Amino acid sequence: MPISASDVIPLSQARANLSELADQVKAGAEKIVTKNGESYVAIIDAQRLDYYHQLEREHIHLLLIADAAKGLADVAAGQIKDARSALSAIKQRRSTNTSR
């Protein structure tokens, strides 16, 4: 649902009409509350907020799966290094850089 000009409300007006705003939000509207002319907070339905959080978690899971798939593809392509050797090389570079 797009935000219209009537969905942008100054904080002073939101304070005075909170119950009415809550009813509008529960009916499906989303409100942007402004402070000093700039967006400050949003008022949305609690179930919609839960849904947004669920989408965010699912997005994170998809990113993790994509990273795991890339890692498996790297292993299958032989693009791997032994962890101990890699850590030793990093430590060696650090000690060389700090001794300069």
C-alpha atoms as a PDB file:
ATOM      1  CA  MET A   1       0.000   0.000   0.000  1.00  0.00           C
ATOM      2  CA  PRO A   2       1.575   3.315  -1.037  1.00  0.00           C
ATOM      3  CA  ILE A   3       1.989   6.117   1.489  1.00  0.00           C
ATOM      4  CA  SER A   4      -0.050   9.241   0.703  1.00  0.00           C
ATOM      5  CA  ALA A   5       0.294  12.781   2.031  1.00  0.00           C
ATOM      6  CA  SER A   6      -2.477  12.085   4.555  1.00  0.00           C
ATOM      7  CA  ASP A   7      -0.340   9.282   6.020  1.00  0.00           C
ATOM      8  CA  VAL A   8       2.407  11.742   7.017  1.00  0.00           C
ATOM      9  CA  ILE A   9       1.550  13.310  10.361  1.00  0.00           C
ATOM     10  CA  PRO A  10       3.410  15.740  12.626  1.00  0.00           C
ATOM     11  CA  LEU A  11       4.240  14.381  16.082  1.00  0.00           C
ATOM     12  CA  SER A  12       2.000  16.953  17.786  1.00  0.00           C
ATOM     13  CA  GLN A  13      -0.982  15.791  15.717  1.00  0.00           C
ATOM     14  CA  ALA A  14      -0.141  12.123  16.335  1.00  0.00           C
ATOM     15  CA  ARG A  15      -0.024  12.783  20.076  1.00  0.00           C
ATOM     16  CA  ALA A  16      -3.441  14.425  19.989  1.00  0.00           C
ATOM     17  CA  ASN A  17      -5.065  11.747  17.796  1.00  0.00           C
ATOM     18  CA  LEU A  18      -3.273   8.535  18.771  1.00  0.00           C
ATOM     19  CA  SER A  19      -6.433   6.477  19.272  1.00  0.00           C
ATOM     20  CA  GLU A  20      -7.806   7.482  15.863  1.00  0.00           C
ATOM     21  CA  LEU A  21      -4.422   6.797  14.210  1.00  0.00           C
ATOM     22  CA  ALA A  22      -4.265   3.377  15.859  1.00  0.00           C
ATOM     23  CA  ASP A  23      -7.702   2.535  14.448  1.00  0.00           C
ATOM     24  CA  GLN A  24      -6.623   3.638  10.952  1.00  0.00           C
ATOM     25  CA  VAL A  25      -3.441   1.566  11.198  1.00  0.00           C
ATOM     26  CA  LYS A  26      -5.381  -1.470  12.412  1.00  0.00           C
ATOM     27  CA  ALA A  27      -7.624  -1.024   9.338  1.00  0.00           C
ATOM     28  CA  GLY A  28      -4.571  -1.295   7.063  1.00  0.00           C
ATOM     29  CA  ALA A  29      -2.989   2.160   6.853  1.00  0.00           C
ATOM     30  CA  GLU A  30       0.618   2.903   7.718  1.00  0.00           C
ATOM     31  CA  LYS A  31       1.498   6.286   9.173  1.00  0.00           C
ATOM     32  CA  ILE A  32       4.749   8.236   9.148  1.00  0.00           C
ATOM     33  CA  VAL A  33       5.159  10.547  12.111  1.00  0.00           C
ATOM     34  CA  THR A  34       7.396  13.565  11.556  1.00  0.00           C
ATOM     35  CA  LYS A  35       9.357  15.636  14.040  1.00  0.00           C
ATOM     36  CA  ASN A  36      10.700  19.034  13.030  1.00  0.00           C
ATOM     37  CA  GLY A  37       9.588  18.313   9.462  1.00  0.00           C
ATOM     38  CA  GLU A  38      11.567  15.086   9.075  1.00  0.00           C
ATOM     39  CA  SER A  39      10.399  11.469   9.320  1.00  0.00           C
ATOM     40  CA  TYR A  40      10.746  10.253  12.866  1.00  0.00           C
ATOM     41  CA  VAL A  41       8.838   6.989  13.392  1.00  0.00           C
ATOM     42  CA  ALA A  42       6.315   4.816  11.599  1.00  0.00           C
ATOM     43  CA  ILE A  43       3.106   3.420  13.010  1.00  0.00           C
ATOM     44  CA  ILE A  44       2.196   0.035  11.557  1.00  0.00           C
ATOM     45  CA  ASP A  45      -0.001  -2.869  12.586  1.00  0.00           C
ATOM     46  CA  ALA A  46       1.730  -5.291  14.976  1.00  0.00           C
ATOM     47  CA  GLN A  47       0.925  -8.305  12.767  1.00  0.00           C
ATOM     48  CA  ARG A  48       2.445  -6.535   9.766  1.00  0.00           C
ATOM     49  CA  LEU A  49       5.564  -5.771  11.830  1.00  0.00           C
ATOM     50  CA  ASP A  50       5.816  -9.467  12.737  1.00  0.00           C
ATOM     51  CA  TYR A  51       5.491 -10.305   9.037  1.00  0.00           C
ATOM     52  CA  TYR A  52       8.277  -7.826   8.142  1.00  0.00           C
ATOM     53  CA  HIS A  53      10.522  -9.409  10.784  1.00  0.00           C
ATOM     54  CA  GLN A  54       9.750 -12.873   9.410  1.00  0.00           C
ATOM     55  CA  LEU A  55      10.679 -11.705   5.898  1.00  0.00           C
ATOM     56  CA  GLU A  56      13.932 -10.280   7.238  1.00  0.00           C
ATOM     57  CA  ARG A  57      14.801 -13.580   8.952  1.00  0.00           C
ATOM     58  CA  GLU A  58      13.994 -15.524   5.788  1.00  0.00           C
ATOM     59  CA  HIS A  59      16.174 -13.158   3.756  1.00  0.00           C
ATOM     60  CA  ILE A  60      19.072 -13.731   6.158  1.00  0.00           C
ATOM     61  CA  HIS A  61      18.588 -17.495   5.863  1.00  0.00           C
ATOM     62  CA  LEU A  62      18.634 -17.258   2.062  1.00  0.00           C
ATOM     63  CA  LEU A  63      21.882 -15.270   2.202  1.00  0.00           C
ATOM     64  CA  LEU A  64      23.421 -17.909   4.491  1.00  0.00           C
ATOM     65  CA  ILE A  65      22.328 -20.682   2.134  1.00  0.00           C
ATOM     66  CA  ALA A  66      23.816 -18.793  -0.834  1.00  0.00           C
ATOM     67  CA  ASP A  67      27.108 -18.358   1.060  1.00  0.00           C
ATOM     68  CA  ALA A  68      27.165 -22.059   1.957  1.00  0.00           C
ATOM     69  CA  ALA A  69      26.458 -23.001  -1.670  1.00  0.00           C
ATOM     70  CA  LYS A  70      29.323 -20.767  -2.831  1.00  0.00           C
ATOM     71  CA  GLY A  71      31.612 -22.366  -0.263  1.00  0.00           C
ATOM     72  CA  LEU A  72      30.657 -25.847  -1.445  1.00  0.00           C
ATOM     73  CA  ALA A  73      31.240 -24.802  -5.058  1.00  0.00           C
ATOM     74  CA  ASP A  74      34.698 -23.506  -4.089  1.00  0.00           C
ATOM     75  CA  VAL A  75      35.478 -26.831  -2.405  1.00  0.00           C
ATOM     76  CA  ALA A  76      34.245 -28.752  -5.460  1.00  0.00           C
ATOM     77  CA  ALA A  77      36.422 -26.566  -7.713  1.00  0.00           C
ATOM     78  CA  GLY A  78      39.450 -27.177  -5.497  1.00  0.00           C
ATOM     79  CA  GLN A  79      39.696 -23.525  -4.496  1.00  0.00           C
ATOM     80  CA  ILE A  80      40.541 -24.264  -0.883  1.00  0.00           C
ATOM     81  CA  LYS A  81      43.416 -23.744   1.528  1.00  0.00           C
ATOM     82  CA  ASP A  82      44.318 -25.548   4.681  1.00  0.00           C
ATOM     83  CA  ALA A  83      43.173 -23.423   7.632  1.00  0.00           C
ATOM     84  CA  ARG A  84      46.351 -23.976   9.672  1.00  0.00           C
ATOM     85  CA  SER A  85      48.611 -22.931   6.785  1.00  0.00           C
ATOM     86  CA  ALA A  86      46.458 -19.892   6.005  1.00  0.00           C
ATOM     87  CA  LEU A  87      46.503 -18.779   9.662  1.00  0.00           C
ATOM     88  CA  SER A  88      50.244 -19.316   9.879  1.00  0.00           C
ATOM     89  CA  ALA A  89      50.781 -17.208   6.754  1.00  0.00           C
ATOM     90  CA  ILE A  90      48.598 -14.420   8.178  1.00  0.00           C
ATOM     91  CA  LYS A  91      50.486 -14.480  11.483  1.00  0.00           C
ATOM     92  CA  GLN A  92      53.795 -14.440   9.620  1.00  0.00           C
ATOM     93  CA  ARG A  93      52.708 -11.394   7.558  1.00  0.00           C
ATOM     94  CA  ARG A  94      51.531  -9.599  10.696  1.00  0.00           C
ATOM     95  CA  SER A  95      54.768 -10.219  12.545  1.00  0.00           C
ATOM     96  CA  THR A  96      56.773  -9.056   9.499  1.00  0.00           C
ATOM     97  CA  ASN A  97      54.658  -5.866   9.204  1.00  0.00           C
ATOM     98  CA  THR A  98      54.889  -5.012  12.926  1.00  0.00           C
ATOM     99  CA  SER A  99      58.640  -5.537  13.079  1.00  0.00           C
ATOM    100  CA  ARG A 100      59.210  -2.883  10.392  1.00  0.00           C
END
